[in-house]
Amino acid sequence: MMPLRRTCKQVAALLIAREDRALPWADRVALRMHVAACRACPAFERQLLTMRSALRQWRNYRDDDQA
């Protein structure tokens, strides 16, 4: 089992992987611990959430003038 400490690079990979699949319990705990203590990773997480939201809106966009 991996220790709960993760580097920013590892956390970035986990944040990206979390978009596609559920993370194992140990990874979720390590992610929360790191994000709580890091200055940069929460900003990266917010950027990912913003991109996810924008993509969702883009997929659901319908231009009524074109129909």
Protein backbone atom coordinates (compact mmCIF):
# COMPACT_ATOMS: atom_id res chain seq x y z
CA MET A 1 0.00 0.00 0.00
CA MET A 2 1.26 3.48 -0.85
CA PRO A 3 1.77 5.95 1.96
CA LEU A 4 -0.81 8.71 2.22
CA ARG A 5 1.70 11.42 1.31
CA ARG A 6 1.56 12.47 -2.34
CA THR A 7 3.53 14.95 -4.42
CA CYS A 8 1.80 17.70 -6.37
CA LYS A 9 2.49 15.76 -9.56
CA GLN A 10 0.83 12.64 -8.12
CA VAL A 11 -2.14 14.69 -6.87
CA ALA A 12 -2.57 16.31 -10.28
CA ALA A 13 -2.72 12.82 -11.81
CA LEU A 14 -5.29 11.74 -9.21
CA LEU A 15 -7.43 14.82 -9.83
CA ILE A 16 -7.44 14.07 -13.54
CA ALA A 17 -8.10 10.35 -12.99
CA ARG A 18 -11.01 11.25 -10.71
CA GLU A 19 -12.76 12.74 -13.75
CA ASP A 20 -12.96 9.27 -15.33
CA ARG A 21 -13.24 6.83 -12.46
CA ALA A 22 -13.84 6.48 -8.74
CA LEU A 23 -10.62 6.56 -6.77
CA PRO A 24 -9.74 3.96 -4.15
CA TRP A 25 -10.23 4.99 -0.53
CA ALA A 26 -6.50 5.50 0.17
CA ASP A 27 -6.14 7.78 -2.87
CA ARG A 28 -9.19 9.83 -1.85
CA VAL A 29 -7.80 10.30 1.67
CA ALA A 30 -4.33 11.19 0.37
CA LEU A 31 -5.88 13.63 -2.09
CA ARG A 32 -7.89 15.41 0.62
CA MET A 33 -4.89 15.60 2.94
CA HIS A 34 -2.64 17.03 0.25
CA VAL A 35 -5.18 19.56 -1.05
CA ALA A 36 -5.78 20.76 2.52
CA ALA A 37 -2.07 21.44 3.02
CA CYS A 38 -0.99 22.60 -0.44
CA ARG A 39 -1.28 26.08 -1.91
CA ALA A 40 -1.19 25.19 -5.62
CA CYS A 41 -3.26 22.01 -5.91
CA PRO A 42 -6.60 23.54 -4.81
CA ALA A 43 -6.25 26.07 -7.63
CA PHE A 44 -5.61 23.24 -10.10
CA GLU A 45 -8.64 21.37 -8.74
CA ARG A 46 -10.82 24.48 -9.23
CA GLN A 47 -9.52 24.81 -12.80
CA LEU A 48 -10.50 21.20 -13.52
CA LEU A 49 -13.97 21.76 -12.07
CA THR A 50 -14.37 24.91 -14.16
CA MET A 51 -13.34 23.03 -17.31
CA ARG A 52 -15.74 20.18 -16.48
CA SER A 53 -18.59 22.64 -16.05
CA ALA A 54 -17.74 24.49 -19.26
CA LEU A 55 -17.59 21.25 -21.23
CA ARG A 56 -20.92 20.12 -19.81
CA GLN A 57 -22.50 23.43 -20.84
CA TRP A 58 -20.91 23.20 -24.30
CA ARG A 59 -22.22 19.65 -24.82
CA ASN A 60 -25.72 20.76 -23.87
CA TYR A 61 -25.57 23.99 -25.89
CA ARG A 62 -28.21 24.37 -28.55
CA ASP A 63 -28.28 27.36 -30.83
CA ASP A 64 -31.98 28.02 -31.37
CA ASP A 65 -31.20 30.36 -34.28
CA GLN A 66 -29.61 27.49 -36.21
CA ALA A 67 -32.49 25.04 -35.78
